[in-house]
């Protein structure tokens, strides 16, 4: 299962905890493995273990990630850009938007 948010530099995520809605806290390298796929996205693979009794449950993964500080947009070398309007909105973790 690929983890939703990734580090901008594609470094492996630091996972704090993995918890099943049925089985509770899961242990790394016993109940799940952490790795990267071919796109360098961090993933976890659940393992059939004594603790993990079913895959039919919600899995909560607590982790930290570092998004890119900014993203550069360019005009491809054009000096004059045809008039078009673009609105970019950023929403922070508290739900506040800025334009």
PDB file of N, CA and C in Angstrom:
ATOM      1  N   UNK A   1       0.846  -1.148   0.000  1.00  0.00           N
ATOM      2  CA  UNK A   1       0.000   0.000   0.000  1.00  0.00           C
ATOM      3  C   UNK A   1       0.903   1.227   0.000  1.00  0.00           C
ATOM      4  N   UNK A   2       0.709   2.103  -1.006  1.00  0.00           N
ATOM      5  CA  UNK A   2       1.503   3.327  -1.121  1.00  0.00           C
ATOM      6  C   UNK A   2       0.960   4.346  -0.120  1.00  0.00           C
ATOM      7  N   UNK A   3       1.846   5.000   0.603  1.00  0.00           N
ATOM      8  CA  UNK A   3       1.460   6.024   1.575  1.00  0.00           C
ATOM      9  C   UNK A   3       1.140   7.305   0.820  1.00  0.00           C
ATOM     10  N   UNK A   4       0.071   7.994   1.236  1.00  0.00           N
ATOM     11  CA  UNK A   4      -0.496   9.114   0.478  1.00  0.00           C
ATOM     12  C   UNK A   4       0.480  10.248   0.184  1.00  0.00           C
ATOM     13  N   UNK A   5       1.132  10.801   1.180  1.00  0.00           N
ATOM     14  CA  UNK A   5       2.045  11.933   0.982  1.00  0.00           C
ATOM     15  C   UNK A   5       3.475  11.426   1.021  1.00  0.00           C
ATOM     16  N   UNK A   6       4.337  12.001   0.196  1.00  0.00           N
ATOM     17  CA  UNK A   6       5.726  11.562   0.080  1.00  0.00           C
ATOM     18  C   UNK A   6       6.672  12.740   0.305  1.00  0.00           C
ATOM     19  N   UNK A   7       7.907  12.452   0.693  1.00  0.00           N
ATOM     20  CA  UNK A   7       8.937  13.484   0.787  1.00  0.00           C
ATOM     21  C   UNK A   7       9.231  14.006  -0.605  1.00  0.00           C
ATOM     22  N   UNK A   8       9.468  15.313  -0.723  1.00  0.00           N
ATOM     23  CA  UNK A   8       9.732  15.890  -2.042  1.00  0.00           C
ATOM     24  C   UNK A   8      11.005  15.331  -2.672  1.00  0.00           C
ATOM     25  N   UNK A   9      11.971  14.919  -1.849  1.00  0.00           N
ATOM     26  CA  UNK A   9      13.232  14.381  -2.380  1.00  0.00           C
ATOM     27  C   UNK A   9      13.198  12.861  -2.546  1.00  0.00           C
ATOM     28  N   UNK A  10      12.024  12.254  -2.340  1.00  0.00           N
ATOM     29  CA  UNK A  10      11.784  10.813  -2.487  1.00  0.00           C
ATOM     30  C   UNK A  10      12.531   9.970  -1.454  1.00  0.00           C
ATOM     31  N   UNK A  11      12.996  10.595  -0.356  1.00  0.00           N
ATOM     32  CA  UNK A  11      13.606   9.828   0.734  1.00  0.00           C
ATOM     33  C   UNK A  11      12.522   8.988   1.409  1.00  0.00           C
ATOM     34  N   UNK A  12      12.911   7.858   1.987  1.00  0.00           N
ATOM     35  CA  UNK A  12      11.961   6.983   2.670  1.00  0.00           C
ATOM     36  C   UNK A  12      11.342   7.731   3.851  1.00  0.00           C
ATOM     37  N   UNK A  13      10.022   7.606   4.012  1.00  0.00           N
ATOM     38  CA  UNK A  13       9.308   8.271   5.100  1.00  0.00           C
ATOM     39  C   UNK A  13       9.667   7.672   6.457  1.00  0.00           C
ATOM     40  N   UNK A  14       9.645   8.501   7.486  1.00  0.00           N
ATOM     41  CA  UNK A  14       9.824   8.039   8.860  1.00  0.00           C
ATOM     42  C   UNK A  14       8.439   7.726   9.417  1.00  0.00           C
ATOM     43  N   UNK A  15       8.151   6.452   9.616  1.00  0.00           N
ATOM     44  CA  UNK A  15       6.853   6.027  10.126  1.00  0.00           C
ATOM     45  C   UNK A  15       6.918   5.951  11.644  1.00  0.00           C
ATOM     46  N   UNK A  16       5.983   6.636  12.309  1.00  0.00           N
ATOM     47  CA  UNK A  16       5.905   6.646  13.763  1.00  0.00           C
ATOM     48  C   UNK A  16       5.137   5.435  14.272  1.00  0.00           C
ATOM     49  N   UNK A  17       3.994   5.141  13.642  1.00  0.00           N
ATOM     50  CA  UNK A  17       3.198   3.993  14.067  1.00  0.00           C
ATOM     51  C   UNK A  17       2.273   3.528  12.960  1.00  0.00           C
ATOM     52  N   UNK A  18       1.901   2.245  13.016  1.00  0.00           N
ATOM     53  CA  UNK A  18       0.912   1.650  12.126  1.00  0.00           C
ATOM     54  C   UNK A  18      -0.074   0.920  13.032  1.00  0.00           C
ATOM     55  N   UNK A  19      -1.373   1.257  12.875  1.00  0.00           N
ATOM     56  CA  UNK A  19      -2.400   0.697  13.751  1.00  0.00           C
ATOM     57  C   UNK A  19      -3.553   0.167  12.919  1.00  0.00           C
ATOM     58  N   UNK A  20      -4.000  -1.036  13.237  1.00  0.00           N
ATOM     59  CA  UNK A  20      -5.169  -1.622  12.588  1.00  0.00           C
ATOM     60  C   UNK A  20      -6.413  -1.337  13.405  1.00  0.00           C
ATOM     61  N   UNK A  21      -7.551  -1.114  12.723  1.00  0.00           N
ATOM     62  CA  UNK A  21      -8.799  -0.827  13.443  1.00  0.00           C
ATOM     63  C   UNK A  21      -9.297  -2.038  14.229  1.00  0.00           C
ATOM     64  N   UNK A  22      -8.879  -3.239  13.834  1.00  0.00           N
ATOM     65  CA  UNK A  22      -9.271  -4.456  14.545  1.00  0.00           C
ATOM     66  C   UNK A  22      -8.144  -4.931  15.461  1.00  0.00           C
ATOM     67  N   UNK A  23      -6.922  -4.952  14.950  1.00  0.00           N
ATOM     68  CA  UNK A  23      -5.799  -5.564  15.664  1.00  0.00           C
ATOM     69  C   UNK A  23      -4.980  -4.615  16.529  1.00  0.00           C
ATOM     70  N   UNK A  24      -5.199  -3.304  16.414  1.00  0.00           N
ATOM     71  CA  UNK A  24      -4.419  -2.356  17.217  1.00  0.00           C
ATOM     72  C   UNK A  24      -3.028  -2.131  16.642  1.00  0.00           C
ATOM     73  N   UNK A  25      -2.079  -1.814  17.516  1.00  0.00           N
ATOM     74  CA  UNK A  25      -0.721  -1.461  17.096  1.00  0.00           C
ATOM     75  C   UNK A  25      -0.041  -2.625  16.381  1.00  0.00           C
ATOM     76  N   UNK A  26       0.592  -2.308  15.242  1.00  0.00           N
ATOM     77  CA  UNK A  26       1.328  -3.309  14.465  1.00  0.00           C
ATOM     78  C   UNK A  26       2.819  -3.014  14.568  1.00  0.00           C
ATOM     79  N   UNK A  27       3.637  -4.050  14.481  1.00  0.00           N
ATOM     80  CA  UNK A  27       5.082  -3.939  14.661  1.00  0.00           C
ATOM     81  C   UNK A  27       5.799  -4.069  13.321  1.00  0.00           C
ATOM     82  N   UNK A  28       6.748  -3.137  13.078  1.00  0.00           N
ATOM     83  CA  UNK A  28       7.553  -3.175  11.857  1.00  0.00           C
ATOM     84  C   UNK A  28       8.357  -4.465  11.804  1.00  0.00           C
ATOM     85  N   UNK A  29       8.478  -5.028  10.615  1.00  0.00           N
ATOM     86  CA  UNK A  29       9.231  -6.246  10.331  1.00  0.00           C
ATOM     87  C   UNK A  29       8.638  -7.501  10.985  1.00  0.00           C
ATOM     88  N   UNK A  30       7.503  -7.354  11.657  1.00  0.00           N
ATOM     89  CA  UNK A  30       6.779  -8.508  12.191  1.00  0.00           C
ATOM     90  C   UNK A  30       5.391  -8.565  11.562  1.00  0.00           C
ATOM     91  N   UNK A  31       4.698  -7.402  11.574  1.00  0.00           N
ATOM     92  CA  UNK A  31       3.347  -7.313  11.023  1.00  0.00           C
ATOM     93  C   UNK A  31       3.312  -6.589   9.681  1.00  0.00           C
ATOM     94  N   UNK A  32       4.342  -5.801   9.388  1.00  0.00           N
ATOM     95  CA  UNK A  32       4.431  -5.093   8.107  1.00  0.00           C
ATOM     96  C   UNK A  32       5.890  -4.793   7.784  1.00  0.00           C
ATOM     97  N   UNK A  33       6.160  -4.644   6.484  1.00  0.00           N
ATOM     98  CA  UNK A  33       7.465  -4.192   6.002  1.00  0.00           C
ATOM     99  C   UNK A  33       7.295  -2.819   5.388  1.00  0.00           C
ATOM    100  N   UNK A  34       8.292  -1.953   5.551  1.00  0.00           N
ATOM    101  CA  UNK A  34       8.332  -0.643   4.905  1.00  0.00           C
ATOM    102  C   UNK A  34       9.351  -0.726   3.777  1.00  0.00           C
ATOM    103  N   UNK A  35       9.014  -0.148   2.618  1.00  0.00           N
ATOM    104  CA  UNK A  35       9.933  -0.145   1.493  1.00  0.00           C
ATOM    105  C   UNK A  35       9.556   0.934   0.498  1.00  0.00           C
ATOM    106  N   UNK A  36      10.153   0.873  -0.684  1.00  0.00           N
ATOM    107  CA  UNK A  36       9.850   1.814  -1.758  1.00  0.00           C
ATOM    108  C   UNK A  36       9.529   1.041  -3.018  1.00  0.00           C
ATOM    109  N   UNK A  37       8.604   1.595  -3.829  1.00  0.00           N
ATOM    110  CA  UNK A  37       8.276   0.974  -5.106  1.00  0.00           C
ATOM    111  C   UNK A  37       9.191   1.523  -6.198  1.00  0.00           C
ATOM    112  N   UNK A  38       8.909   1.178  -7.461  1.00  0.00           N
ATOM    113  CA  UNK A  38       9.762   1.599  -8.575  1.00  0.00           C
ATOM    114  C   UNK A  38       9.763   3.110  -8.782  1.00  0.00           C
ATOM    115  N   UNK A  39       8.748   3.836  -8.254  1.00  0.00           N
ATOM    116  CA  UNK A  39       8.700   5.295  -8.351  1.00  0.00           C
ATOM    117  C   UNK A  39       9.328   5.965  -7.128  1.00  0.00           C
ATOM    118  N   UNK A  40       9.927   5.173  -6.253  1.00  0.00           N
ATOM    119  CA  UNK A  40      10.542   5.622  -5.003  1.00  0.00           C
ATOM    120  C   UNK A  40       9.515   6.170  -4.012  1.00  0.00           C
ATOM    121  N   UNK A  41       8.243   5.744  -4.143  1.00  0.00           N
ATOM    122  CA  UNK A  41       7.218   6.084  -3.165  1.00  0.00           C
ATOM    123  C   UNK A  41       7.339   5.107  -1.998  1.00  0.00           C
ATOM    124  N   UNK A  42       7.259   5.620  -0.773  1.00  0.00           N
ATOM    125  CA  UNK A  42       7.303   4.753   0.400  1.00  0.00           C
ATOM    126  C   UNK A  42       5.996   3.968   0.490  1.00  0.00           C
ATOM    127  N   UNK A  43       6.093   2.671   0.767  1.00  0.00           N
ATOM    128  CA  UNK A  43       4.940   1.773   0.854  1.00  0.00           C
ATOM    129  C   UNK A  43       5.098   0.908   2.091  1.00  0.00           C
ATOM    130  N   UNK A  44       3.969   0.311   2.523  1.00  0.00           N
ATOM    131  CA  UNK A  44       4.052  -0.744   3.516  1.00  0.00           C
ATOM    132  C   UNK A  44       3.369  -1.973   2.946  1.00  0.00           C
ATOM    133  N   UNK A  45       3.873  -3.125   3.322  1.00  0.00           N
ATOM    134  CA  UNK A  45       3.295  -4.406   2.939  1.00  0.00           C
ATOM    135  C   UNK A  45       2.924  -5.138   4.221  1.00  0.00           C
ATOM    136  N   UNK A  46       1.639  -5.479   4.350  1.00  0.00           N
ATOM    137  CA  UNK A  46       1.176  -6.197   5.534  1.00  0.00           C
ATOM    138  C   UNK A  46       1.614  -7.645   5.453  1.00  0.00           C
ATOM    139  N   UNK A  47       1.971  -8.224   6.602  1.00  0.00           N
ATOM    140  CA  UNK A  47       2.467  -9.595   6.686  1.00  0.00           C
ATOM    141  C   UNK A  47       1.475 -10.419   7.493  1.00  0.00           C
ATOM    142  N   UNK A  48       1.198 -11.623   7.054  1.00  0.00           N
ATOM    143  CA  UNK A  48       0.364 -12.546   7.824  1.00  0.00           C
ATOM    144  C   UNK A  48       1.147 -12.910   9.082  1.00  0.00           C
ATOM    145  N   UNK A  49       0.644 -12.472  10.244  1.00  0.00           N
ATOM    146  CA  UNK A  49       1.352 -12.712  11.507  1.00  0.00           C
ATOM    147  C   UNK A  49       0.355 -13.045  12.606  1.00  0.00           C
ATOM    148  N   UNK A  50       0.865 -13.352  13.783  1.00  0.00           N
ATOM    149  CA  UNK A  50      -0.007 -13.649  14.927  1.00  0.00           C
ATOM    150  C   UNK A  50      -0.808 -12.418  15.341  1.00  0.00           C
ATOM    151  N   UNK A  51      -0.224 -11.228  15.189  1.00  0.00           N
ATOM    152  CA  UNK A  51      -0.911  -9.992  15.567  1.00  0.00           C
ATOM    153  C   UNK A  51      -1.921  -9.558  14.515  1.00  0.00           C
ATOM    154  N   UNK A  52      -1.543  -9.653  13.251  1.00  0.00           N
ATOM    155  CA  UNK A  52      -2.406  -9.206  12.155  1.00  0.00           C
ATOM    156  C   UNK A  52      -3.360 -10.340  11.794  1.00  0.00           C
ATOM    157  N   UNK A  53      -4.589 -10.242  12.302  1.00  0.00           N
ATOM    158  CA  UNK A  53      -5.547 -11.343  12.142  1.00  0.00           C
ATOM    159  C   UNK A  53      -6.394 -11.233  10.881  1.00  0.00           C
ATOM    160  N   UNK A  54      -6.525 -10.036  10.323  1.00  0.00           N
ATOM    161  CA  UNK A  54      -7.332  -9.852   9.113  1.00  0.00           C
ATOM    162  C   UNK A  54      -6.847  -8.646   8.329  1.00  0.00           C
ATOM    163  N   UNK A  55      -6.939  -8.703   7.011  1.00  0.00           N
ATOM    164  CA  UNK A  55      -6.637  -7.544   6.183  1.00  0.00           C
ATOM    165  C   UNK A  55      -7.883  -6.691   5.983  1.00  0.00           C
ATOM    166  N   UNK A  56      -9.052  -7.179   6.436  1.00  0.00           N
ATOM    167  CA  UNK A  56     -10.321  -6.451   6.309  1.00  0.00           C
ATOM    168  C   UNK A  56     -10.475  -5.485   7.481  1.00  0.00           C
ATOM    169  N   UNK A  57      -9.623  -4.471   7.519  1.00  0.00           N
ATOM    170  CA  UNK A  57      -9.678  -3.457   8.567  1.00  0.00           C
ATOM    171  C   UNK A  57      -9.027  -2.186   8.048  1.00  0.00           C
ATOM    172  N   UNK A  58      -9.319  -1.081   8.684  1.00  0.00           N
ATOM    173  CA  UNK A  58      -8.681   0.187   8.333  1.00  0.00           C
ATOM    174  C   UNK A  58      -7.300   0.228   8.968  1.00  0.00           C
ATOM    175  N   UNK A  59      -6.339   0.688   8.200  1.00  0.00           N
ATOM    176  CA  UNK A  59      -4.970   0.816   8.695  1.00  0.00           C
ATOM    177  C   UNK A  59      -4.647   2.302   8.815  1.00  0.00           C
ATOM    178  N   UNK A  60      -4.218   2.733   9.983  1.00  0.00           N
ATOM    179  CA  UNK A  60      -3.830   4.128  10.218  1.00  0.00           C
ATOM    180  C   UNK A  60      -2.316   4.182  10.320  1.00  0.00           C
ATOM    181  N   UNK A  61      -1.700   5.024   9.480  1.00  0.00           N
ATOM    182  CA  UNK A  61      -0.251   5.175   9.465  1.00  0.00           C
ATOM    183  C   UNK A  61       0.079   6.598   9.913  1.00  0.00           C
ATOM    184  N   UNK A  62       0.856   6.726  10.981  1.00  0.00           N
ATOM    185  CA  UNK A  62       1.299   8.033  11.465  1.00  0.00           C
ATOM    186  C   UNK A  62       2.743   8.210  10.990  1.00  0.00           C
ATOM    187  N   UNK A  63       2.994   9.295  10.273  1.00  0.00           N
ATOM    188  CA  UNK A  63       4.317   9.526   9.697  1.00  0.00           C
ATOM    189  C   UNK A  63       4.542  11.009   9.473  1.00  0.00           C
ATOM    190  N   UNK A  64       5.790  11.383   9.266  1.00  0.00           N
ATOM    191  CA  UNK A  64       6.161  12.752   8.922  1.00  0.00           C
ATOM    192  C   UNK A  64       6.698  12.755   7.506  1.00  0.00           C
ATOM    193  N   UNK A  65       6.418  13.842   6.787  1.00  0.00           N
ATOM    194  CA  UNK A  65       6.975  13.988   5.447  1.00  0.00           C
ATOM    195  C   UNK A  65       7.316  15.453   5.212  1.00  0.00           C
ATOM    196  N   UNK A  66       8.196  15.699   4.264  1.00  0.00           N
ATOM    197  CA  UNK A  66       8.630  17.053   3.941  1.00  0.00           C
ATOM    198  C   UNK A  66       8.236  17.372   2.507  1.00  0.00           C
ATOM    199  N   UNK A  67       7.197  18.203   2.325  1.00  0.00           N
ATOM    200  CA  UNK A  67       6.818  18.587   0.967  1.00  0.00           C
ATOM    201  C   UNK A  67       7.815  19.600   0.408  1.00  0.00           C
ATOM    202  N   UNK A  68       7.762  19.844  -0.874  1.00  0.00           N
ATOM    203  CA  UNK A  68       8.624  20.851  -1.490  1.00  0.00           C
ATOM    204  C   UNK A  68       8.261  22.223  -0.935  1.00  0.00           C
ATOM    205  N   UNK A  69       9.260  23.072  -0.692  1.00  0.00           N
ATOM    206  CA  UNK A  69       9.012  24.415  -0.165  1.00  0.00           C
ATOM    207  C   UNK A  69       8.290  25.271  -1.194  1.00  0.00           C
ATOM    208  N   UNK A  70       8.579  25.043  -2.467  1.00  0.00           N
ATOM    209  CA  UNK A  70       7.927  25.803  -3.533  1.00  0.00           C
ATOM    210  C   UNK A  70       8.063  25.028  -4.841  1.00  0.00           C
ATOM    211  N   UNK A  71       7.326  25.475  -5.831  1.00  0.00           N
ATOM    212  CA  UNK A  71       7.412  24.874  -7.154  1.00  0.00           C
ATOM    213  C   UNK A  71       7.531  26.001  -8.159  1.00  0.00           C
ATOM    214  N   UNK A  72       8.552  25.942  -8.992  1.00  0.00           N
ATOM    215  CA  UNK A  72       8.796  26.995  -9.958  1.00  0.00           C
ATOM    216  C   UNK A  72       7.946  26.742 -11.204  1.00  0.00           C
ATOM    217  N   UNK A  73       7.229  27.782 -11.631  1.00  0.00           N
ATOM    218  CA  UNK A  73       6.463  27.737 -12.870  1.00  0.00           C
ATOM    219  C   UNK A  73       7.166  28.627 -13.871  1.00  0.00           C
ATOM    220  N   UNK A  74       7.286  28.165 -15.097  1.00  0.00           N
ATOM    221  CA  UNK A  74       7.959  28.980 -16.106  1.00  0.00           C
ATOM    222  C   UNK A  74       7.111  29.074 -17.364  1.00  0.00           C
ATOM    223  N   UNK A  75       7.472  30.020 -18.217  1.00  0.00           N
ATOM    224  CA  UNK A  75       6.723  30.247 -19.452  1.00  0.00           C
ATOM    225  C   UNK A  75       7.360  29.541 -20.641  1.00  0.00           C
ATOM    226  N   UNK A  76       8.361  28.725 -20.406  1.00  0.00           N
ATOM    227  CA  UNK A  76       9.019  28.009 -21.496  1.00  0.00           C
ATOM    228  C   UNK A  76       9.903  28.895 -22.349  1.00  0.00           C
ATOM    229  N   UNK A  77      10.331  30.028 -21.829  1.00  0.00           N
ATOM    230  CA  UNK A  77      11.226  30.927 -22.548  1.00  0.00           C
ATOM    231  C   UNK A  77      10.514  32.062 -23.262  1.00  0.00           C
ATOM    232  N   UNK A  78       9.179  32.059 -23.295  1.00  0.00           N
ATOM    233  CA  UNK A  78       8.447  33.140 -23.952  1.00  0.00           C
ATOM    234  C   UNK A  78       8.559  34.415 -23.125  1.00  0.00           C
ATOM    235  N   UNK A  79       8.696  35.542 -23.821  1.00  0.00           N
ATOM    236  CA  UNK A  79       8.753  36.838 -23.144  1.00  0.00           C
ATOM    237  C   UNK A  79       7.353  37.411 -22.955  1.00  0.00           C
ATOM    238  N   UNK A  80       6.454  37.105 -23.889  1.00  0.00           N
ATOM    239  CA  UNK A  80       5.078  37.583 -23.814  1.00  0.00           C
ATOM    240  C   UNK A  80       4.162  36.382 -23.692  1.00  0.00           C
ATOM    241  N   UNK A  81       3.308  36.431 -22.744  1.00  0.00           N
ATOM    242  CA  UNK A  81       2.379  35.333 -22.515  1.00  0.00           C
ATOM    243  C   UNK A  81       0.974  35.826 -22.843  1.00  0.00           C
ATOM    244  N   UNK A  82       0.245  35.027 -23.632  1.00  0.00           N
ATOM    245  CA  UNK A  82      -1.133  35.387 -23.972  1.00  0.00           C
ATOM    246  C   UNK A  82      -1.926  35.542 -22.682  1.00  0.00           C
ATOM    247  N   UNK A  83      -2.831  36.528 -22.641  1.00  0.00           N
ATOM    248  CA  UNK A  83      -3.566  36.768 -21.397  1.00  0.00           C
ATOM    249  C   UNK A  83      -4.481  35.597 -21.024  1.00  0.00           C
ATOM    250  N   UNK A  84      -4.171  35.011 -19.910  1.00  0.00           N
ATOM    251  CA  UNK A  84      -4.971  33.938 -19.326  1.00  0.00           C
ATOM    252  C   UNK A  84      -4.951  34.166 -17.829  1.00  0.00           C
ATOM    253  N   UNK A  85      -5.989  33.771 -17.168  1.00  0.00           N
ATOM    254  CA  UNK A  85      -6.065  33.967 -15.729  1.00  0.00           C
ATOM    255  C   UNK A  85      -5.929  32.616 -15.046  1.00  0.00           C
ATOM    256  N   UNK A  86      -5.072  32.586 -14.054  1.00  0.00           N
ATOM    257  CA  UNK A  86      -4.881  31.377 -13.254  1.00  0.00           C
ATOM    258  C   UNK A  86      -4.949  31.795 -11.790  1.00  0.00           C
ATOM    259  N   UNK A  87      -5.733  31.088 -11.013  1.00  0.00           N
ATOM    260  CA  UNK A  87      -5.781  31.344  -9.575  1.00  0.00           C
ATOM    261  C   UNK A  87      -5.231  30.117  -8.869  1.00  0.00           C
ATOM    262  N   UNK A  88      -4.222  30.332  -8.057  1.00  0.00           N
ATOM    263  CA  UNK A  88      -3.644  29.262  -7.256  1.00  0.00           C
ATOM    264  C   UNK A  88      -4.057  29.487  -5.811  1.00  0.00           C
ATOM    265  N   UNK A  89      -4.549  28.459  -5.187  1.00  0.00           N
ATOM    266  CA  UNK A  89      -4.957  28.548  -3.789  1.00  0.00           C
ATOM    267  C   UNK A  89      -4.210  27.503  -2.996  1.00  0.00           C
ATOM    268  N   UNK A  90      -3.613  27.933  -1.902  1.00  0.00           N
ATOM    269  CA  UNK A  90      -2.914  27.019  -0.996  1.00  0.00           C
ATOM    270  C   UNK A  90      -3.724  26.925   0.282  1.00  0.00           C
ATOM    271  N   UNK A  91      -3.992  25.691   0.727  1.00  0.00           N
ATOM    272  CA  UNK A  91      -4.686  25.485   1.989  1.00  0.00           C
ATOM    273  C   UNK A  91      -3.723  24.817   2.955  1.00  0.00           C
ATOM    274  N   UNK A  92      -3.512  25.456   4.123  1.00  0.00           N
ATOM    275  CA  UNK A  92      -2.574  24.883   5.099  1.00  0.00           C
ATOM    276  C   UNK A  92      -3.253  23.812   5.937  1.00  0.00           C
ATOM    277  N   UNK A  93      -2.502  23.215   6.860  1.00  0.00           N
ATOM    278  CA  UNK A  93      -3.014  22.104   7.666  1.00  0.00           C
ATOM    279  C   UNK A  93      -4.132  22.531   8.607  1.00  0.00           C
ATOM    280  N   UNK A  94      -4.317  23.860   8.802  1.00  0.00           N
ATOM    281  CA  UNK A  94      -5.396  24.358   9.658  1.00  0.00           C
ATOM    282  C   UNK A  94      -6.625  24.753   8.847  1.00  0.00           C
ATOM    283  N   UNK A  95      -6.614  24.489   7.536  1.00  0.00           N
ATOM    284  CA  UNK A  95      -7.757  24.793   6.687  1.00  0.00           C
ATOM    285  C   UNK A  95      -7.801  26.234   6.198  1.00  0.00           C
ATOM    286  N   UNK A  96      -6.740  27.025   6.464  1.00  0.00           N
ATOM    287  CA  UNK A  96      -6.710  28.410   5.996  1.00  0.00           C
ATOM    288  C   UNK A  96      -6.195  28.451   4.565  1.00  0.00           C
ATOM    289  N   UNK A  97      -6.847  29.274   3.744  1.00  0.00           N
ATOM    290  CA  UNK A  97      -6.467  29.400   2.335  1.00  0.00           C
ATOM    291  C   UNK A  97      -5.762  30.718   2.101  1.00  0.00           C
ATOM    292  N   UNK A  98      -4.816  30.706   1.159  1.00  0.00           N
ATOM    293  CA  UNK A  98      -4.159  31.933   0.724  1.00  0.00           C
ATOM    294  C   UNK A  98      -4.061  31.897  -0.785  1.00  0.00           C
ATOM    295  N   UNK A  99      -4.172  33.064  -1.378  1.00  0.00           N
ATOM    296  CA  UNK A  99      -4.124  33.159  -2.852  1.00  0.00           C
ATOM    297  C   UNK A  99      -3.007  34.060  -3.278  1.00  0.00           C
TER     298      UNK A  99
END
